[in-house]
């Protein structure tokens, strides 16, 4: 597993990434971004907070709605934080 400074890179397989939980706060399909109020993201050594992530696969944004509970996998790449997988866990 490639790690640098405690951060897992995008080149790592998504299957090896831990899942984090969150609530969708805002969706910007045009900019390929989603704002999440998330729990701890272990592979990024990140505590719970609200922040904006870029999204690798914009098709994943199509099923999201503000207020939904989700689980997601994220990586840090070139100074940006990316969601590589996201799925709704509750309606």
PDB file of N, CA and C in Angstrom:
ATOM      1  N   UNK A   1       0.849  -1.173   0.000  1.00  0.00           N
ATOM      2  CA  UNK A   1       0.000   0.000   0.000  1.00  0.00           C
ATOM      3  C   UNK A   1       0.892   1.233   0.000  1.00  0.00           C
ATOM      4  N   UNK A   2       0.793   2.068  -1.015  1.00  0.00           N
ATOM      5  CA  UNK A   2       1.635   3.252  -1.117  1.00  0.00           C
ATOM      6  C   UNK A   2       1.138   4.357  -0.209  1.00  0.00           C
ATOM      7  N   UNK A   3       1.993   4.756   0.721  1.00  0.00           N
ATOM      8  CA  UNK A   3       1.632   5.857   1.598  1.00  0.00           C
ATOM      9  C   UNK A   3       2.796   6.825   1.666  1.00  0.00           C
ATOM     10  N   UNK A   4       2.452   8.089   1.819  1.00  0.00           N
ATOM     11  CA  UNK A   4       3.462   9.118   1.963  1.00  0.00           C
ATOM     12  C   UNK A   4       2.975  10.076   3.017  1.00  0.00           C
ATOM     13  N   UNK A   5       3.737  10.256   4.084  1.00  0.00           N
ATOM     14  CA  UNK A   5       3.342  11.166   5.142  1.00  0.00           C
ATOM     15  C   UNK A   5       2.009  10.795   5.775  1.00  0.00           C
ATOM     16  N   UNK A   6       1.686   9.494   5.827  1.00  0.00           N
ATOM     17  CA  UNK A   6       0.457   9.048   6.443  1.00  0.00           C
ATOM     18  C   UNK A   6      -0.767   9.170   5.552  1.00  0.00           C
ATOM     19  N   UNK A   7      -0.617   9.688   4.333  1.00  0.00           N
ATOM     20  CA  UNK A   7      -1.757   9.874   3.444  1.00  0.00           C
ATOM     21  C   UNK A   7      -1.746   8.807   2.362  1.00  0.00           C
ATOM     22  N   UNK A   8      -2.888   8.223   2.123  1.00  0.00           N
ATOM     23  CA  UNK A   8      -2.991   7.200   1.091  1.00  0.00           C
ATOM     24  C   UNK A   8      -3.232   7.878  -0.244  1.00  0.00           C
ATOM     25  N   UNK A   9      -2.506   7.493  -1.239  1.00  0.00           N
ATOM     26  CA  UNK A   9      -2.549   8.127  -2.551  1.00  0.00           C
ATOM     27  C   UNK A   9      -3.582   7.487  -3.462  1.00  0.00           C
ATOM     28  N   UNK A  10      -3.975   8.219  -4.492  1.00  0.00           N
ATOM     29  CA  UNK A  10      -5.006   7.765  -5.427  1.00  0.00           C
ATOM     30  C   UNK A  10      -4.579   6.529  -6.198  1.00  0.00           C
ATOM     31  N   UNK A  11      -3.291   6.269  -6.291  1.00  0.00           N
ATOM     32  CA  UNK A  11      -2.829   5.089  -7.015  1.00  0.00           C
ATOM     33  C   UNK A  11      -3.149   3.797  -6.270  1.00  0.00           C
ATOM     34  N   UNK A  12      -3.486   3.913  -4.984  1.00  0.00           N
ATOM     35  CA  UNK A  12      -3.866   2.738  -4.212  1.00  0.00           C
ATOM     36  C   UNK A  12      -5.215   2.228  -4.688  1.00  0.00           C
ATOM     37  N   UNK A  13      -5.417   0.935  -4.624  1.00  0.00           N
ATOM     38  CA  UNK A  13      -6.698   0.378  -5.026  1.00  0.00           C
ATOM     39  C   UNK A  13      -7.809   0.806  -4.087  1.00  0.00           C
ATOM     40  N   UNK A  14      -8.950   1.180  -4.637  1.00  0.00           N
ATOM     41  CA  UNK A  14     -10.084   1.610  -3.827  1.00  0.00           C
ATOM     42  C   UNK A  14     -10.541   0.499  -2.892  1.00  0.00           C
ATOM     43  N   UNK A  15     -10.324  -0.748  -3.287  1.00  0.00           N
ATOM     44  CA  UNK A  15     -10.764  -1.862  -2.443  1.00  0.00           C
ATOM     45  C   UNK A  15     -10.003  -1.913  -1.123  1.00  0.00           C
ATOM     46  N   UNK A  16      -8.841  -1.294  -1.054  1.00  0.00           N
ATOM     47  CA  UNK A  16      -8.053  -1.311   0.179  1.00  0.00           C
ATOM     48  C   UNK A  16      -8.340  -0.111   1.066  1.00  0.00           C
ATOM     49  N   UNK A  17      -9.114   0.846   0.588  1.00  0.00           N
ATOM     50  CA  UNK A  17      -9.395   2.058   1.348  1.00  0.00           C
ATOM     51  C   UNK A  17     -10.496   1.813   2.373  1.00  0.00           C
ATOM     52  N   UNK A  18     -10.368   2.431   3.553  1.00  0.00           N
ATOM     53  CA  UNK A  18     -11.454   2.318   4.535  1.00  0.00           C
ATOM     54  C   UNK A  18     -12.637   3.198   4.120  1.00  0.00           C
ATOM     55  N   UNK A  19     -13.811   2.843   4.596  1.00  0.00           N
ATOM     56  CA  UNK A  19     -15.008   3.636   4.337  1.00  0.00           C
ATOM     57  C   UNK A  19     -15.201   4.623   5.484  1.00  0.00           C
ATOM     58  N   UNK A  20     -15.650   5.830   5.153  1.00  0.00           N
ATOM     59  CA  UNK A  20     -16.013   6.841   6.142  1.00  0.00           C
ATOM     60  C   UNK A  20     -17.494   7.162   5.950  1.00  0.00           C
ATOM     61  N   UNK A  21     -18.147   7.636   7.003  1.00  0.00           N
ATOM     62  CA  UNK A  21     -19.555   8.001   6.905  1.00  0.00           C
ATOM     63  C   UNK A  21     -19.691   9.517   6.833  1.00  0.00           C
ATOM     64  N   UNK A  22     -20.807   9.977   6.229  1.00  0.00           N
ATOM     65  CA  UNK A  22     -21.000  11.411   6.066  1.00  0.00           C
ATOM     66  C   UNK A  22     -22.462  11.735   5.785  1.00  0.00           C
ATOM     67  N   UNK A  23     -22.749  13.021   5.847  1.00  0.00           N
ATOM     68  CA  UNK A  23     -24.030  13.559   5.401  1.00  0.00           C
ATOM     69  C   UNK A  23     -23.741  14.512   4.258  1.00  0.00           C
ATOM     70  N   UNK A  24     -24.496  14.398   3.169  1.00  0.00           N
ATOM     71  CA  UNK A  24     -24.314  15.279   2.016  1.00  0.00           C
ATOM     72  C   UNK A  24     -24.862  16.662   2.364  1.00  0.00           C
ATOM     73  N   UNK A  25     -24.031  17.677   2.212  1.00  0.00           N
ATOM     74  CA  UNK A  25     -24.423  19.049   2.513  1.00  0.00           C
ATOM     75  C   UNK A  25     -24.701  19.863   1.257  1.00  0.00           C
ATOM     76  N   UNK A  26     -23.930  19.637   0.195  1.00  0.00           N
ATOM     77  CA  UNK A  26     -24.092  20.398  -1.054  1.00  0.00           C
ATOM     78  C   UNK A  26     -23.520  19.569  -2.196  1.00  0.00           C
ATOM     79  N   UNK A  27     -24.123  19.704  -3.366  1.00  0.00           N
ATOM     80  CA  UNK A  27     -23.672  18.988  -4.560  1.00  0.00           C
ATOM     81  C   UNK A  27     -23.495  20.005  -5.674  1.00  0.00           C
ATOM     82  N   UNK A  28     -22.329  19.997  -6.310  1.00  0.00           N
ATOM     83  CA  UNK A  28     -22.062  20.874  -7.454  1.00  0.00           C
ATOM     84  C   UNK A  28     -21.613  19.996  -8.616  1.00  0.00           C
ATOM     85  N   UNK A  29     -22.593  19.563  -9.411  1.00  0.00           N
ATOM     86  CA  UNK A  29     -22.294  18.647 -10.513  1.00  0.00           C
ATOM     87  C   UNK A  29     -21.392  19.291 -11.560  1.00  0.00           C
ATOM     88  N   UNK A  30     -21.612  20.563 -11.851  1.00  0.00           N
ATOM     89  CA  UNK A  30     -20.821  21.250 -12.874  1.00  0.00           C
ATOM     90  C   UNK A  30     -19.345  21.319 -12.488  1.00  0.00           C
ATOM     91  N   UNK A  31     -19.077  21.539 -11.215  1.00  0.00           N
ATOM     92  CA  UNK A  31     -17.697  21.639 -10.738  1.00  0.00           C
ATOM     93  C   UNK A  31     -17.129  20.286 -10.296  1.00  0.00           C
ATOM     94  N   UNK A  32     -17.957  19.232 -10.342  1.00  0.00           N
ATOM     95  CA  UNK A  32     -17.538  17.891  -9.920  1.00  0.00           C
ATOM     96  C   UNK A  32     -17.114  17.857  -8.461  1.00  0.00           C
ATOM     97  N   UNK A  33     -17.951  18.483  -7.587  1.00  0.00           N
ATOM     98  CA  UNK A  33     -17.617  18.564  -6.166  1.00  0.00           C
ATOM     99  C   UNK A  33     -18.833  18.214  -5.310  1.00  0.00           C
ATOM    100  N   UNK A  34     -18.538  17.712  -4.110  1.00  0.00           N
ATOM    101  CA  UNK A  34     -19.574  17.424  -3.134  1.00  0.00           C
ATOM    102  C   UNK A  34     -19.074  17.873  -1.767  1.00  0.00           C
ATOM    103  N   UNK A  35     -19.948  18.534  -1.023  1.00  0.00           N
ATOM    104  CA  UNK A  35     -19.629  18.968   0.332  1.00  0.00           C
ATOM    105  C   UNK A  35     -20.200  17.941   1.298  1.00  0.00           C
ATOM    106  N   UNK A  36     -19.346  17.428   2.174  1.00  0.00           N
ATOM    107  CA  UNK A  36     -19.739  16.384   3.114  1.00  0.00           C
ATOM    108  C   UNK A  36     -19.416  16.778   4.543  1.00  0.00           C
ATOM    109  N   UNK A  37     -20.339  16.492   5.450  1.00  0.00           N
ATOM    110  CA  UNK A  37     -20.055  16.566   6.890  1.00  0.00           C
ATOM    111  C   UNK A  37     -19.715  15.135   7.274  1.00  0.00           C
ATOM    112  N   UNK A  38     -18.430  14.870   7.445  1.00  0.00           N
ATOM    113  CA  UNK A  38     -17.968  13.486   7.564  1.00  0.00           C
ATOM    114  C   UNK A  38     -17.395  13.146   8.929  1.00  0.00           C
ATOM    115  N   UNK A  39     -17.355  11.853   9.171  1.00  0.00           N
ATOM    116  CA  UNK A  39     -16.671  11.319  10.340  1.00  0.00           C
ATOM    117  C   UNK A  39     -15.189  11.194  10.042  1.00  0.00           C
ATOM    118  N   UNK A  40     -14.473  10.516  10.916  1.00  0.00           N
ATOM    119  CA  UNK A  40     -13.034  10.324  10.737  1.00  0.00           C
ATOM    120  C   UNK A  40     -12.731   9.614   9.420  1.00  0.00           C
ATOM    121  N   UNK A  41     -11.699  10.090   8.725  1.00  0.00           N
ATOM    122  CA  UNK A  41     -11.207   9.420   7.515  1.00  0.00           C
ATOM    123  C   UNK A  41      -9.822   8.886   7.880  1.00  0.00           C
ATOM    124  N   UNK A  42      -9.779   7.608   8.221  1.00  0.00           N
ATOM    125  CA  UNK A  42      -8.571   7.016   8.801  1.00  0.00           C
ATOM    126  C   UNK A  42      -7.366   7.060   7.877  1.00  0.00           C
ATOM    127  N   UNK A  43      -7.532   6.757   6.585  1.00  0.00           N
ATOM    128  CA  UNK A  43      -6.369   6.717   5.696  1.00  0.00           C
ATOM    129  C   UNK A  43      -5.791   8.105   5.423  1.00  0.00           C
ATOM    130  N   UNK A  44      -6.541   9.163   5.734  1.00  0.00           N
ATOM    131  CA  UNK A  44      -6.033  10.530   5.555  1.00  0.00           C
ATOM    132  C   UNK A  44      -5.671  11.181   6.885  1.00  0.00           C
ATOM    133  N   UNK A  45      -5.782  10.438   7.979  1.00  0.00           N
ATOM    134  CA  UNK A  45      -5.539  10.977   9.322  1.00  0.00           C
ATOM    135  C   UNK A  45      -6.345  12.251   9.535  1.00  0.00           C
ATOM    136  N   UNK A  46      -7.622  12.230   9.136  1.00  0.00           N
ATOM    137  CA  UNK A  46      -8.464  13.417   9.174  1.00  0.00           C
ATOM    138  C   UNK A  46      -9.587  13.232  10.200  1.00  0.00           C
ATOM    139  N   UNK A  47      -9.725  14.189  11.117  1.00  0.00           N
ATOM    140  CA  UNK A  47     -10.810  14.105  12.102  1.00  0.00           C
ATOM    141  C   UNK A  47     -12.149  14.484  11.461  1.00  0.00           C
ATOM    142  N   UNK A  48     -13.250  14.255  12.174  1.00  0.00           N
ATOM    143  CA  UNK A  48     -14.559  14.659  11.655  1.00  0.00           C
ATOM    144  C   UNK A  48     -14.614  16.171  11.389  1.00  0.00           C
ATOM    145  N   UNK A  49     -15.242  16.538  10.270  1.00  0.00           N
ATOM    146  CA  UNK A  49     -15.406  17.944   9.891  1.00  0.00           C
ATOM    147  C   UNK A  49     -16.291  18.029   8.663  1.00  0.00           C
ATOM    148  N   UNK A  50     -16.566  19.242   8.222  1.00  0.00           N
ATOM    149  CA  UNK A  50     -17.261  19.463   6.953  1.00  0.00           C
ATOM    150  C   UNK A  50     -16.260  20.004   5.956  1.00  0.00           C
ATOM    151  N   UNK A  51     -16.292  19.461   4.741  1.00  0.00           N
ATOM    152  CA  UNK A  51     -15.379  19.942   3.716  1.00  0.00           C
ATOM    153  C   UNK A  51     -15.865  19.549   2.330  1.00  0.00           C
ATOM    154  N   UNK A  52     -15.262  20.161   1.330  1.00  0.00           N
ATOM    155  CA  UNK A  52     -15.609  19.907  -0.063  1.00  0.00           C
ATOM    156  C   UNK A  52     -14.582  18.942  -0.655  1.00  0.00           C
ATOM    157  N   UNK A  53     -15.091  17.942  -1.362  1.00  0.00           N
ATOM    158  CA  UNK A  53     -14.258  16.966  -2.052  1.00  0.00           C
ATOM    159  C   UNK A  53     -14.513  17.058  -3.545  1.00  0.00           C
ATOM    160  N   UNK A  54     -13.492  16.824  -4.326  1.00  0.00           N
ATOM    161  CA  UNK A  54     -13.669  16.636  -5.756  1.00  0.00           C
ATOM    162  C   UNK A  54     -14.094  15.193  -5.965  1.00  0.00           C
ATOM    163  N   UNK A  55     -14.766  14.925  -7.076  1.00  0.00           N
ATOM    164  CA  UNK A  55     -15.296  13.594  -7.334  1.00  0.00           C
ATOM    165  C   UNK A  55     -14.694  13.056  -8.631  1.00  0.00           C
ATOM    166  N   UNK A  56     -14.096  11.881  -8.552  1.00  0.00           N
ATOM    167  CA  UNK A  56     -13.474  11.255  -9.729  1.00  0.00           C
ATOM    168  C   UNK A  56     -14.512  10.856 -10.773  1.00  0.00           C
ATOM    169  N   UNK A  57     -15.598  10.241 -10.333  1.00  0.00           N
ATOM    170  CA  UNK A  57     -16.622   9.745 -11.242  1.00  0.00           C
ATOM    171  C   UNK A  57     -17.904  10.548 -11.025  1.00  0.00           C
ATOM    172  N   UNK A  58     -18.197  11.475 -11.910  1.00  0.00           N
ATOM    173  CA  UNK A  58     -19.352  12.365 -11.731  1.00  0.00           C
ATOM    174  C   UNK A  58     -20.683  11.619 -11.780  1.00  0.00           C
ATOM    175  N   UNK A  59     -20.716  10.438 -12.361  1.00  0.00           N
ATOM    176  CA  UNK A  59     -21.949   9.648 -12.372  1.00  0.00           C
ATOM    177  C   UNK A  59     -22.412   9.338 -10.956  1.00  0.00           C
ATOM    178  N   UNK A  60     -21.477   9.265 -10.019  1.00  0.00           N
ATOM    179  CA  UNK A  60     -21.826   8.990  -8.627  1.00  0.00           C
ATOM    180  C   UNK A  60     -22.640  10.121  -8.014  1.00  0.00           C
ATOM    181  N   UNK A  61     -22.527  11.335  -8.547  1.00  0.00           N
ATOM    182  CA  UNK A  61     -23.280  12.472  -8.026  1.00  0.00           C
ATOM    183  C   UNK A  61     -24.755  12.413  -8.411  1.00  0.00           C
ATOM    184  N   UNK A  62     -25.089  11.671  -9.456  1.00  0.00           N
ATOM    185  CA  UNK A  62     -26.461  11.632  -9.975  1.00  0.00           C
ATOM    186  C   UNK A  62     -27.462  11.088  -8.962  1.00  0.00           C
ATOM    187  N   UNK A  63     -27.053  10.166  -8.116  1.00  0.00           N
ATOM    188  CA  UNK A  63     -27.983   9.550  -7.165  1.00  0.00           C
ATOM    189  C   UNK A  63     -27.988  10.240  -5.806  1.00  0.00           C
ATOM    190  N   UNK A  64     -27.104  11.225  -5.602  1.00  0.00           N
ATOM    191  CA  UNK A  64     -27.014  11.891  -4.302  1.00  0.00           C
ATOM    192  C   UNK A  64     -28.021  13.021  -4.166  1.00  0.00           C
ATOM    193  N   UNK A  65     -28.485  13.223  -2.924  1.00  0.00           N
ATOM    194  CA  UNK A  65     -29.369  14.330  -2.585  1.00  0.00           C
ATOM    195  C   UNK A  65     -28.874  14.945  -1.285  1.00  0.00           C
ATOM    196  N   UNK A  66     -29.043  16.243  -1.137  1.00  0.00           N
ATOM    197  CA  UNK A  66     -28.659  16.936   0.093  1.00  0.00           C
ATOM    198  C   UNK A  66     -29.421  16.314   1.264  1.00  0.00           C
ATOM    199  N   UNK A  67     -28.707  16.061   2.344  1.00  0.00           N
ATOM    200  CA  UNK A  67     -29.292  15.476   3.546  1.00  0.00           C
ATOM    201  C   UNK A  67     -29.148  13.976   3.647  1.00  0.00           C
ATOM    202  N   UNK A  68     -28.763  13.311   2.566  1.00  0.00           N
ATOM    203  CA  UNK A  68     -28.601  11.856   2.599  1.00  0.00           C
ATOM    204  C   UNK A  68     -27.392  11.448   3.424  1.00  0.00           C
ATOM    205  N   UNK A  69     -27.508  10.299   4.057  1.00  0.00           N
ATOM    206  CA  UNK A  69     -26.381   9.669   4.742  1.00  0.00           C
ATOM    207  C   UNK A  69     -25.675   8.789   3.720  1.00  0.00           C
ATOM    208  N   UNK A  70     -24.359   8.891   3.686  1.00  0.00           N
ATOM    209  CA  UNK A  70     -23.565   8.131   2.726  1.00  0.00           C
ATOM    210  C   UNK A  70     -22.356   7.518   3.412  1.00  0.00           C
ATOM    211  N   UNK A  71     -21.736   6.607   2.714  1.00  0.00           N
ATOM    212  CA  UNK A  71     -20.397   6.151   3.086  1.00  0.00           C
ATOM    213  C   UNK A  71     -19.544   6.373   1.854  1.00  0.00           C
ATOM    214  N   UNK A  72     -18.251   6.659   2.093  1.00  0.00           N
ATOM    215  CA  UNK A  72     -17.391   7.003   0.962  1.00  0.00           C
ATOM    216  C   UNK A  72     -15.950   6.633   1.256  1.00  0.00           C
ATOM    217  N   UNK A  73     -15.178   6.578   0.168  1.00  0.00           N
ATOM    218  CA  UNK A  73     -13.736   6.369   0.248  1.00  0.00           C
ATOM    219  C   UNK A  73     -13.080   7.591  -0.379  1.00  0.00           C
ATOM    220  N   UNK A  74     -12.025   8.081   0.249  1.00  0.00           N
ATOM    221  CA  UNK A  74     -11.368   9.294  -0.241  1.00  0.00           C
ATOM    222  C   UNK A  74      -9.858   9.126  -0.238  1.00  0.00           C
ATOM    223  N   UNK A  75      -9.217   9.882  -1.119  1.00  0.00           N
ATOM    224  CA  UNK A  75      -7.757   9.923  -1.206  1.00  0.00           C
ATOM    225  C   UNK A  75      -7.320  11.377  -1.352  1.00  0.00           C
ATOM    226  N   UNK A  76      -6.036  11.583  -1.143  1.00  0.00           N
ATOM    227  CA  UNK A  76      -5.435  12.892  -1.368  1.00  0.00           C
ATOM    228  C   UNK A  76      -4.475  12.749  -2.536  1.00  0.00           C
ATOM    229  N   UNK A  77      -4.604  13.652  -3.517  1.00  0.00           N
ATOM    230  CA  UNK A  77      -3.771  13.588  -4.714  1.00  0.00           C
ATOM    231  C   UNK A  77      -3.438  15.003  -5.162  1.00  0.00           C
ATOM    232  N   UNK A  78      -2.161  15.307  -5.258  1.00  0.00           N
ATOM    233  CA  UNK A  78      -1.704  16.624  -5.710  1.00  0.00           C
ATOM    234  C   UNK A  78      -2.340  17.765  -4.941  1.00  0.00           C
ATOM    235  N   UNK A  79      -2.448  17.600  -3.632  1.00  0.00           N
ATOM    236  CA  UNK A  79      -2.972  18.661  -2.777  1.00  0.00           C
ATOM    237  C   UNK A  79      -4.489  18.762  -2.723  1.00  0.00           C
ATOM    238  N   UNK A  80      -5.205  17.918  -3.445  1.00  0.00           N
ATOM    239  CA  UNK A  80      -6.669  17.942  -3.446  1.00  0.00           C
ATOM    240  C   UNK A  80      -7.200  16.647  -2.831  1.00  0.00           C
ATOM    241  N   UNK A  81      -8.381  16.725  -2.257  1.00  0.00           N
ATOM    242  CA  UNK A  81      -9.036  15.551  -1.687  1.00  0.00           C
ATOM    243  C   UNK A  81     -10.126  15.090  -2.640  1.00  0.00           C
ATOM    244  N   UNK A  82     -10.105  13.795  -2.944  1.00  0.00           N
ATOM    245  CA  UNK A  82     -10.989  13.205  -3.946  1.00  0.00           C
ATOM    246  C   UNK A  82     -11.825  12.093  -3.339  1.00  0.00           C
ATOM    247  N   UNK A  83     -13.104  12.058  -3.675  1.00  0.00           N
ATOM    248  CA  UNK A  83     -13.961  10.911  -3.388  1.00  0.00           C
ATOM    249  C   UNK A  83     -13.795   9.941  -4.548  1.00  0.00           C
ATOM    250  N   UNK A  84     -13.416   8.702  -4.242  1.00  0.00           N
ATOM    251  CA  UNK A  84     -13.258   7.715  -5.299  1.00  0.00           C
ATOM    252  C   UNK A  84     -14.440   6.747  -5.360  1.00  0.00           C
ATOM    253  N   UNK A  85     -15.159   6.606  -4.249  1.00  0.00           N
ATOM    254  CA  UNK A  85     -16.377   5.791  -4.187  1.00  0.00           C
ATOM    255  C   UNK A  85     -17.321   6.473  -3.197  1.00  0.00           C
ATOM    256  N   UNK A  86     -18.613   6.499  -3.521  1.00  0.00           N
ATOM    257  CA  UNK A  86     -19.606   7.028  -2.591  1.00  0.00           C
ATOM    258  C   UNK A  86     -20.921   6.303  -2.833  1.00  0.00           C
ATOM    259  N   UNK A  87     -21.600   5.959  -1.736  1.00  0.00           N
ATOM    260  CA  UNK A  87     -22.887   5.288  -1.880  1.00  0.00           C
ATOM    261  C   UNK A  87     -23.802   5.670  -0.722  1.00  0.00           C
ATOM    262  N   UNK A  88     -25.095   5.727  -1.017  1.00  0.00           N
ATOM    263  CA  UNK A  88     -26.116   6.080  -0.046  1.00  0.00           C
ATOM    264  C   UNK A  88     -26.305   4.910   0.912  1.00  0.00           C
ATOM    265  N   UNK A  89     -26.383   5.197   2.229  1.00  0.00           N
ATOM    266  CA  UNK A  89     -26.580   4.140   3.213  1.00  0.00           C
ATOM    267  C   UNK A  89     -27.948   4.226   3.896  1.00  0.00           C
ATOM    268  N   UNK A  90     -28.648   5.318   3.743  1.00  0.00           N
ATOM    269  CA  UNK A  90     -29.963   5.457   4.361  1.00  0.00           C
ATOM    270  C   UNK A  90     -30.832   6.404   3.553  1.00  0.00           C
ATOM    271  N   UNK A  91     -32.111   6.191   3.627  1.00  0.00           N
ATOM    272  CA  UNK A  91     -33.032   7.065   2.880  1.00  0.00           C
ATOM    273  C   UNK A  91     -33.629   8.099   3.789  1.00  0.00           C
TER     274      UNK A  91
END
